[in-house]
Amino acid sequence: MDIYHVIVRPLVTEKSTHQSRQKSDKVTAGTPKGRGGAYSFEVHPQARKADIRQAIEKIYNVKVMDVRTSNRRGKPRRYRYTVGQTRNWKKAVVVLHPEYHIDLF
């Protein structure tokens, strides 16, 4: 899978903006202080954590420390007289090394 198909879009919400400004809990005592927060992305449903890590590192030129993923189920929605459902999607939260940050958030 191509790295530009792995990342669908960044999720810019209040929660993701707040998480991007927080310092990561995985910072050890010997590393210098920096931003290195967590950033949320919508990713391809078949993408693995290794694919997501590689895509983020190549596209944004950063060092990834951790990747957390979750599969989000579609919600039921009504449209006039019929009931449908929004699509299922996959969310990835990427924690960066403290020396790096993404300017998108």
Protein backbone atom coordinates (compact mmCIF):
# COMPACT_ATOMS: atom_id res chain seq x y z
CA MET A 1 0.00 0.00 0.00
CA ASP A 2 1.30 3.46 -0.93
CA ILE A 3 2.14 5.78 1.99
CA TYR A 4 -0.16 8.46 0.60
CA HIS A 5 -3.10 6.01 0.68
CA VAL A 6 -2.42 4.97 4.27
CA ILE A 7 -3.16 8.42 5.72
CA VAL A 8 -6.65 9.59 4.70
CA ARG A 9 -6.76 12.89 6.61
CA PRO A 10 -5.67 14.48 9.87
CA LEU A 11 -8.37 14.81 12.53
CA VAL A 12 -8.31 18.40 13.74
CA THR A 13 -10.71 18.57 16.69
CA GLU A 14 -10.59 20.17 20.13
CA LYS A 15 -9.41 16.94 21.68
CA SER A 16 -6.70 16.29 19.09
CA THR A 17 -5.46 19.89 19.33
CA HIS A 18 -5.23 19.55 23.11
CA GLN A 19 -3.39 16.22 22.83
CA SER A 20 -0.90 17.67 20.35
CA ARG A 21 0.10 20.35 22.87
CA GLN A 22 0.63 17.91 25.74
CA LYS A 23 3.98 16.33 26.45
CA SER A 24 4.17 12.61 25.97
CA ASP A 25 4.24 10.34 29.04
CA LYS A 26 6.95 8.20 27.46
CA VAL A 27 9.63 10.89 27.83
CA THR A 28 12.55 9.56 29.85
CA ALA A 29 14.68 11.59 32.23
CA GLY A 30 17.66 11.84 29.86
CA THR A 31 15.82 13.27 26.85
CA PRO A 32 15.49 17.03 26.30
CA LYS A 33 12.09 18.64 26.80
CA GLY A 34 10.02 19.48 23.75
CA ARG A 35 6.50 19.24 22.42
CA GLY A 36 6.23 15.72 21.09
CA GLY A 37 2.50 15.30 21.62
CA ALA A 38 -0.09 12.94 20.18
CA TYR A 39 -1.67 13.56 16.77
CA SER A 40 -4.84 11.94 15.40
CA PHE A 41 -5.35 10.75 11.83
CA GLU A 42 -7.99 8.89 9.88
CA VAL A 43 -6.20 6.00 8.20
CA HIS A 44 -7.01 3.27 5.69
CA PRO A 45 -8.97 0.46 7.39
CA GLN A 46 -6.45 -2.19 6.32
CA ALA A 47 -3.36 -0.22 7.39
CA ARG A 48 -1.17 -1.79 10.06
CA LYS A 49 0.67 0.10 12.80
CA ALA A 50 3.99 -0.36 10.98
CA ASP A 51 2.48 1.10 7.77
CA ILE A 52 1.10 4.09 9.68
CA ARG A 53 4.44 4.72 11.42
CA GLN A 54 6.33 4.61 8.11
CA ALA A 55 3.83 6.90 6.35
CA ILE A 56 3.88 9.55 9.11
CA GLU A 57 7.68 9.53 9.30
CA LYS A 58 8.07 9.92 5.52
CA ILE A 59 5.28 12.45 4.89
CA TYR A 60 5.88 14.77 7.86
CA ASN A 61 9.63 14.09 8.38
CA VAL A 62 9.27 13.31 12.10
CA LYS A 63 10.24 10.48 14.48
CA VAL A 64 7.31 8.39 15.75
CA MET A 65 7.50 6.81 19.22
CA ASP A 66 4.12 5.07 19.46
CA VAL A 67 1.04 4.32 17.33
CA ARG A 68 -2.40 3.53 18.81
CA THR A 69 -5.26 2.48 16.55
CA SER A 70 -8.99 1.95 16.97
CA ASN A 71 -11.72 0.83 14.60
CA ARG A 72 -14.70 3.17 14.68
CA ARG A 73 -18.13 1.80 13.81
CA GLY A 74 -20.57 3.75 11.65
CA LYS A 75 -23.55 5.39 13.30
CA PRO A 76 -27.16 4.83 12.26
CA ARG A 77 -28.66 7.87 10.54
CA ARG A 78 -32.15 8.66 9.25
CA TYR A 79 -32.83 10.27 5.90
CA ARG A 80 -36.51 10.95 5.30
CA TYR A 81 -38.22 7.55 5.49
CA THR A 82 -35.17 5.31 5.34
CA VAL A 83 -32.53 4.35 7.86
CA GLY A 84 -28.92 4.18 6.76
CA GLN A 85 -25.53 3.99 8.36
CA THR A 86 -22.37 6.05 8.08
CA ARG A 87 -19.25 4.22 7.03
CA ASN A 88 -16.84 2.42 9.35
CA TRP A 89 -13.39 3.98 9.67
CA LYS A 90 -10.08 3.57 11.45
CA LYS A 91 -8.46 6.14 13.72
CA ALA A 92 -4.75 6.30 14.58
CA VAL A 93 -3.20 8.33 17.38
CA VAL A 94 0.51 8.88 16.74
CA VAL A 95 2.86 9.93 19.56
CA LEU A 96 5.96 11.77 18.37
CA HIS A 97 9.45 11.99 19.81
CA PRO A 98 9.74 15.10 22.08
CA GLU A 99 12.02 16.93 19.64
CA TYR A 100 9.45 16.85 16.81
CA HIS A 101 6.02 18.33 16.13
CA ILE A 102 3.62 18.70 13.22
CA ASP A 103 2.64 22.28 12.34
CA LEU A 104 -0.75 21.22 10.99
CA PHE A 105 -2.34 21.24 14.46
